[in-house]
């Protein structure tokens, strides 16, 4: 394949969401030549607002990312909208080829490619995802406080999700949908807090007036302020695997240490790709933390290079 161009960087960050932008901004402010390669598909892209982001509560997710990109570029960073199609570690550097054929060489790579949410297969749910159907009580609980709240169960995690949402509303309806059976003690706990349980299968979800949503079974319908669910989460970690990163013993997750370092020298990971529970604020903190450790590793490499050069010159 003929490459359109080849460029070299101190660091390439793959993924331009909250964690990736925070890592890249930290590196750019440390005077590192830094590139972000972003596919433009943020996990929260369907949501109209981001909540719980200190100083920016209620700001649309896209606007937060726009501001982040502008800040990063102001410190000399560059953003490319695209995807990495091949990645290899060669002679102490990473060789990345993008879908457009351009080649980028990096001393360090931070993978912040997030996750894919695999939604329950209920008609109408995908169309309401991020608006009438959401995942995070801490992100959306305040906005629907006191309203009628539905839980579309996907497994046992949904039981604790229902009890948590009872904090925001006295009107919580748990749709078991054939995915979970409450134990006798859980039935007692639900009854004690007046959480209604619906055992009928859900056949559809649709928007109704005033931004509300309806859950339909074969025989009934419930109008609700919002529905919470817990989709199955799959990390977008194929690049980490392609570059040879180890997985956690006994499991499929990529192994990273507290700094965000993988088992491959110079290869780092940040954000939802290694911790699906991170929200926007915590992903920002995780990305910044990883960025500082990447820079410190580069500083150490710079020291070793300078010492070797000094010895070679006979000083």
Protein backbone atom coordinates (compact mmCIF):
# COMPACT_ATOMS: atom_id res chain seq x y z
CA UNK A 1 0.00 0.00 0.00
CA UNK A 2 1.26 3.49 -0.81
CA UNK A 3 1.07 5.82 2.15
CA UNK A 4 0.01 9.41 1.50
CA UNK A 5 2.37 10.74 4.17
CA UNK A 6 4.40 9.74 7.23
CA UNK A 7 4.63 11.90 10.34
CA UNK A 8 6.23 11.40 13.75
CA UNK A 9 4.88 12.32 17.17
CA UNK A 10 5.77 12.05 20.82
CA UNK A 11 2.29 10.64 21.47
CA UNK A 12 -0.77 9.58 19.50
CA UNK A 13 -4.07 9.35 21.35
CA UNK A 14 -6.62 7.11 19.66
CA UNK A 15 -10.09 8.25 20.63
CA UNK A 16 -11.23 11.83 21.19
CA UNK A 17 -13.82 11.46 23.94
CA UNK A 18 -13.45 12.85 27.45
CA UNK A 19 -10.58 10.57 28.52
CA UNK A 20 -8.68 10.85 25.24
CA UNK A 21 -8.99 14.64 25.11
CA UNK A 22 -7.88 15.01 28.73
CA UNK A 23 -4.82 12.80 28.15
CA UNK A 24 -3.94 14.62 24.94
CA UNK A 25 -4.40 18.08 26.46
CA UNK A 26 -2.10 17.13 29.34
CA UNK A 27 0.57 15.95 26.91
CA UNK A 28 0.26 19.02 24.68
CA UNK A 29 0.65 21.29 27.70
CA UNK A 30 3.80 19.30 28.54
CA UNK A 31 5.20 20.41 25.15
CA UNK A 32 4.78 16.96 23.63
CA UNK A 33 3.90 16.76 19.96
CA UNK A 34 0.52 15.09 20.21
CA UNK A 35 -2.05 13.80 17.73
CA UNK A 36 -5.61 12.68 18.39
CA UNK A 37 -7.18 10.22 15.94
CA UNK A 38 -10.92 10.23 16.54
CA UNK A 39 -13.65 8.22 14.82
CA UNK A 40 -16.28 10.77 15.85
CA UNK A 41 -18.60 8.29 17.60
CA UNK A 42 -18.76 9.28 21.30
CA UNK A 43 -20.61 6.92 23.64
CA UNK A 44 -22.90 9.71 24.86
CA UNK A 45 -23.45 11.22 21.43
CA UNK A 46 -27.21 10.63 21.52
CA UNK A 47 -27.66 12.42 24.85
CA UNK A 48 -28.89 16.03 24.70
CA UNK A 49 -27.07 17.09 27.88
CA UNK A 50 -24.19 16.10 30.16
CA UNK A 51 -24.88 16.28 33.88
CA UNK A 52 -22.67 16.24 36.93
CA UNK A 53 -19.78 17.92 35.09
CA UNK A 54 -18.57 20.54 37.54
CA UNK A 55 -19.04 24.01 36.06
CA UNK A 56 -20.68 22.66 32.90
CA UNK A 57 -23.81 20.87 34.13
CA UNK A 58 -26.41 20.63 31.35
CA UNK A 59 -23.97 21.29 28.53
CA UNK A 60 -24.54 19.14 25.42
CA UNK A 61 -21.86 16.42 25.12
CA UNK A 62 -20.92 17.57 21.63
CA UNK A 63 -20.28 21.09 22.89
CA UNK A 64 -18.03 19.80 25.66
CA UNK A 65 -15.99 17.86 23.12
CA UNK A 66 -15.79 20.87 20.80
CA UNK A 67 -14.44 23.00 23.62
CA UNK A 68 -11.96 20.29 24.53
CA UNK A 69 -10.69 19.98 20.96
CA UNK A 70 -10.29 23.76 20.68
CA UNK A 71 -8.29 23.86 23.92
CA UNK A 72 -6.09 20.98 22.80
CA UNK A 73 -5.39 22.66 19.45
CA UNK A 74 -4.62 25.94 21.19
CA UNK A 75 -1.69 24.19 22.88
CA UNK A 76 -0.34 22.88 19.58
CA UNK A 77 -2.18 19.57 19.33
CA UNK A 78 -3.72 18.22 16.15
CA UNK A 79 -6.95 16.27 15.64
CA UNK A 80 -7.62 13.96 12.70
CA UNK A 81 -11.09 12.54 12.11
CA UNK A 82 -10.43 8.95 11.10
CA UNK A 83 -9.65 5.44 12.26
CA UNK A 84 -6.50 3.40 12.76
CA UNK A 85 -6.63 0.29 10.56
CA UNK A 86 -3.27 -1.27 11.44
CA UNK A 87 -0.97 -0.86 14.40
CA UNK A 88 2.44 -2.36 15.15
CA UNK A 89 5.26 -1.81 17.62
CA UNK A 90 8.55 -1.58 15.67
CA UNK A 91 12.01 -0.62 17.02
CA UNK A 92 10.68 1.15 20.10
CA UNK A 93 8.04 3.12 18.24
CA UNK A 94 4.46 2.53 17.20
CA UNK A 95 3.59 2.43 13.52
CA UNK A 96 -0.04 3.42 12.92
CA UNK A 97 -1.75 3.44 9.54
CA UNK A 98 -5.05 5.28 9.14
CA UNK A 99 -7.94 4.40 6.86
CA UNK A 100 -6.87 7.16 4.44
CA UNK A 101 -3.42 5.57 4.11
CA UNK A 102 -1.50 8.13 6.16
CA UNK A 103 1.13 6.70 8.47
CA UNK A 104 1.95 8.02 11.93
CA UNK A 105 4.90 7.02 14.11
CA UNK A 106 4.69 7.57 17.86
CA UNK A 107 6.92 7.11 20.87
CA UNK A 108 3.79 6.49 22.98
CA UNK A 109 0.20 5.55 22.21
CA UNK A 110 -2.84 6.11 24.43
CA UNK A 111 -5.89 4.05 23.45
CA UNK A 112 -9.12 5.73 24.59
CA UNK A 113 -11.57 4.10 22.19
CA UNK A 114 -14.37 3.54 24.69
CA UNK A 115 -17.02 0.85 24.57
CA UNK A 116 -20.01 -0.27 22.55
CA UNK A 117 -23.32 -0.52 24.41
CA UNK A 118 -25.26 -3.58 23.24
CA UNK A 119 -28.87 -2.62 23.87
CA UNK A 120 -31.72 -4.97 24.80
CA UNK A 121 -33.59 -6.12 21.71
CA UNK A 122 -36.88 -4.36 22.45
CA UNK A 123 -38.64 -2.57 19.55
CA UNK A 124 -38.28 1.20 19.85
CA UNK A 125 -35.57 1.15 22.49
CA UNK A 126 -32.69 2.07 20.19
CA UNK A 127 -34.61 5.09 18.89
CA UNK A 128 -35.03 6.38 22.47
CA UNK A 129 -31.46 5.62 23.60
CA UNK A 130 -29.83 8.62 25.27
CA UNK A 131 -33.12 10.46 25.65
CA UNK A 132 -36.08 8.42 26.92
CA UNK A 133 -33.89 5.40 27.74
CA UNK A 134 -30.70 5.98 29.72
CA UNK A 135 -28.20 4.15 31.91
CA UNK A 136 -26.82 6.38 34.69
CA UNK A 137 -28.86 7.50 37.74
CA UNK A 138 -26.20 10.02 38.73
CA UNK A 139 -26.34 11.56 35.25
CA UNK A 140 -30.15 11.79 34.94
CA UNK A 141 -31.71 11.13 38.35
CA UNK A 142 -32.09 14.78 39.40
CA UNK A 143 -33.91 15.69 36.21
CA UNK A 144 -36.66 13.08 36.74
CA UNK A 145 -36.87 13.29 40.54
CA UNK A 146 -40.35 12.48 41.78
CA UNK A 147 -41.53 11.25 38.38
CA UNK A 148 -42.58 7.81 37.20
CA UNK A 149 -39.39 5.86 36.49
CA UNK A 150 -39.08 2.52 34.72
CA UNK A 151 -36.31 -0.06 34.97
CA UNK A 152 -36.00 -2.37 31.97
CA UNK A 153 -34.14 -5.29 33.52
CA UNK A 154 -31.32 -7.01 31.68
CA UNK A 155 -29.91 -9.08 34.56
CA UNK A 156 -29.19 -8.99 38.25
CA UNK A 157 -27.46 -5.61 38.03
CA UNK A 158 -30.89 -4.13 37.31
CA UNK A 159 -32.07 -5.04 40.82
CA UNK A 160 -29.57 -2.72 42.49
CA UNK A 161 -30.25 -0.13 39.78
CA UNK A 162 -33.94 -0.11 40.77
CA UNK A 163 -33.15 0.29 44.47
CA UNK A 164 -30.72 3.09 43.67
CA UNK A 165 -33.29 4.97 41.59
CA UNK A 166 -35.75 4.73 44.47
CA UNK A 167 -33.55 7.46 45.97
CA UNK A 168 -34.87 9.89 43.34
CA UNK A 169 -38.48 8.79 43.07
CA UNK A 170 -41.23 7.03 45.01
CA UNK A 171 -42.69 5.81 41.71
CA UNK A 172 -40.33 3.12 40.39
CA UNK A 173 -41.58 0.30 38.15
CA UNK A 174 -39.37 -2.72 37.57
CA UNK A 175 -39.95 -4.54 34.27
CA UNK A 176 -38.35 -7.97 34.79
CA UNK A 177 -38.86 -8.79 31.08
CA UNK A 178 -37.89 -12.43 31.53
CA UNK A 179 -34.28 -11.53 32.30
CA UNK A 180 -34.22 -11.82 36.09
CA UNK A 181 -36.20 -13.42 38.93
CA UNK A 182 -36.28 -11.74 42.30
CA UNK A 183 -35.35 -13.87 45.29
CA UNK A 184 -37.76 -13.95 48.24
CA UNK A 185 -35.59 -11.47 50.15
CA UNK A 186 -35.42 -9.14 47.14
CA UNK A 187 -39.20 -9.31 46.80
CA UNK A 188 -39.48 -8.23 50.44
CA UNK A 189 -37.04 -5.37 49.86
CA UNK A 190 -38.90 -4.19 46.76
CA UNK A 191 -42.24 -4.33 48.55
CA UNK A 192 -40.85 -2.47 51.57
CA UNK A 193 -39.88 0.46 49.33
CA UNK A 194 -43.01 0.23 47.13
CA UNK A 195 -41.17 -0.70 43.93
CA UNK A 196 -43.73 -2.16 41.54
CA UNK A 197 -42.73 -5.34 39.68
CA UNK A 198 -44.10 -6.15 36.21
CA UNK A 199 -43.47 -9.72 35.05
CA UNK A 200 -45.06 -9.39 31.60
CA UNK A 201 -42.68 -9.31 28.61
CA UNK A 202 -42.05 -5.86 27.14
CA UNK A 203 -43.02 -5.72 23.47
CA UNK A 204 -42.23 -2.09 22.69
CA UNK A 205 -41.05 1.32 23.84
CA UNK A 206 -42.19 4.55 22.21
CA UNK A 207 -42.19 8.29 22.71
CA UNK A 208 -45.37 9.97 23.90
CA UNK A 209 -46.27 13.58 24.68
CA UNK A 210 -44.06 16.03 26.57
CA UNK A 211 -40.91 13.95 26.15
CA UNK A 212 -42.31 11.02 28.11
CA UNK A 213 -41.97 7.40 27.05
CA UNK A 214 -44.34 4.46 27.13
CA UNK A 215 -43.52 0.83 27.90
CA UNK A 216 -45.90 -1.65 26.33
CA UNK A 217 -46.58 -5.29 27.08
CA UNK A 218 -49.18 -7.43 25.29
CA UNK A 219 -51.88 -6.31 27.67
CA UNK A 220 -50.84 -3.01 29.25
CA UNK A 221 -48.97 0.26 28.80
CA UNK A 222 -47.18 2.53 31.28
CA UNK A 223 -46.32 6.17 30.61
CA UNK A 224 -43.07 7.16 32.32
CA UNK A 225 -40.73 10.10 32.65
CA UNK A 226 -37.77 7.94 31.69
CA UNK A 227 -36.54 4.34 31.50
CA UNK A 228 -33.24 3.13 32.88
CA UNK A 229 -31.54 -0.02 31.65
CA UNK A 230 -28.15 -1.70 31.83
CA UNK A 231 -26.88 -2.67 28.36
CA UNK A 232 -24.18 -5.23 27.84
CA UNK A 233 -20.90 -3.39 27.39
CA UNK A 234 -18.15 -4.46 24.97
CA UNK A 235 -14.81 -2.60 25.12
CA UNK A 236 -13.45 -1.35 21.80
CA UNK A 237 -10.03 -2.81 22.62
CA UNK A 238 -9.01 -4.49 19.35
CA UNK A 239 -6.03 -2.13 18.88
CA UNK A 240 -4.74 -2.96 22.36
CA UNK A 241 -5.00 -6.64 21.51
CA UNK A 242 -3.40 -6.15 18.10
CA UNK A 243 -0.44 -4.47 19.79
CA UNK A 244 -0.05 -7.43 22.16
CA UNK A 245 -1.39 -6.05 25.45
CA UNK A 246 -1.93 -8.72 28.10
CA UNK A 247 -5.39 -9.45 29.47
CA UNK A 248 -6.36 -9.89 33.11
CA UNK A 249 -5.70 -13.45 34.24
CA UNK A 250 -8.89 -15.47 33.98
CA UNK A 251 -10.78 -12.80 32.06
CA UNK A 252 -11.03 -10.93 28.75
CA UNK A 253 -10.31 -7.42 30.05
CA UNK A 254 -7.08 -5.68 29.09
CA UNK A 255 -4.62 -5.51 31.98
CA UNK A 256 -3.58 -1.97 32.97
CA UNK A 257 -1.87 -0.73 36.09
CA UNK A 258 -2.92 2.23 38.22
CA UNK A 259 -1.14 4.60 35.85
CA UNK A 260 -2.94 3.32 32.74
CA UNK A 261 0.10 1.42 31.45
CA UNK A 262 -0.41 -1.88 29.63
CA UNK A 263 2.08 -4.75 29.47
CA UNK A 264 3.53 -3.27 26.24
CA UNK A 265 6.11 -0.53 26.90
CA UNK A 266 4.82 2.80 25.62
CA UNK A 267 1.23 1.56 25.21
CA UNK A 268 -1.37 3.09 27.52
CA UNK A 269 -5.14 2.95 27.90
CA UNK A 270 -7.63 5.38 29.42
CA UNK A 271 -11.35 5.85 29.87
CA UNK A 272 -14.22 3.45 29.26
CA UNK A 273 -12.12 1.03 27.21
CA UNK A 274 -10.64 -0.17 30.50
CA UNK A 275 -13.36 0.98 32.94
CA UNK A 276 -16.90 1.11 31.54
CA UNK A 277 -18.23 2.69 34.76
CA UNK A 278 -16.46 6.02 34.19
CA UNK A 279 -18.72 9.03 33.61
CA UNK A 280 -17.64 12.24 31.87
CA UNK A 281 -16.05 13.84 34.96
CA UNK A 282 -14.28 10.67 36.10
CA UNK A 283 -13.15 9.91 32.54
CA UNK A 284 -11.63 13.40 32.38
CA UNK A 285 -9.70 12.74 35.58
CA UNK A 286 -8.61 9.31 34.41
CA UNK A 287 -7.41 10.72 31.09
CA UNK A 288 -5.45 13.52 32.71
CA UNK A 289 -3.84 11.09 35.16
CA UNK A 290 -2.81 8.77 32.34
CA UNK A 291 -1.45 11.72 30.35
CA UNK A 292 0.82 12.77 33.24
CA UNK A 293 2.22 9.25 33.53
CA UNK A 294 2.83 9.05 29.78
CA UNK A 295 4.80 12.28 29.91
CA UNK A 296 6.82 11.10 32.92
CA UNK A 297 7.69 7.89 31.05
CA UNK A 298 8.83 9.98 28.08
CA UNK A 299 10.93 12.16 30.39
CA UNK A 300 12.62 9.03 31.70
CA UNK A 301 13.33 7.88 28.15
CA UNK A 302 14.73 11.35 27.37
CA UNK A 303 17.07 11.06 30.35
CA UNK A 304 18.36 7.66 29.25
CA UNK A 305 18.86 8.94 25.69
CA UNK A 306 20.81 11.98 26.95
CA UNK A 307 23.02 9.82 29.19
CA UNK A 308 23.76 7.43 26.33
CA UNK A 309 24.61 10.35 24.06
CA UNK A 310 26.90 11.81 26.68
CA UNK A 311 28.76 8.52 27.03
CA UNK A 312 29.08 8.10 23.29
CA UNK A 313 30.67 11.55 23.02
CA UNK A 314 33.22 10.59 25.67
CA UNK A 315 32.10 13.14 28.22
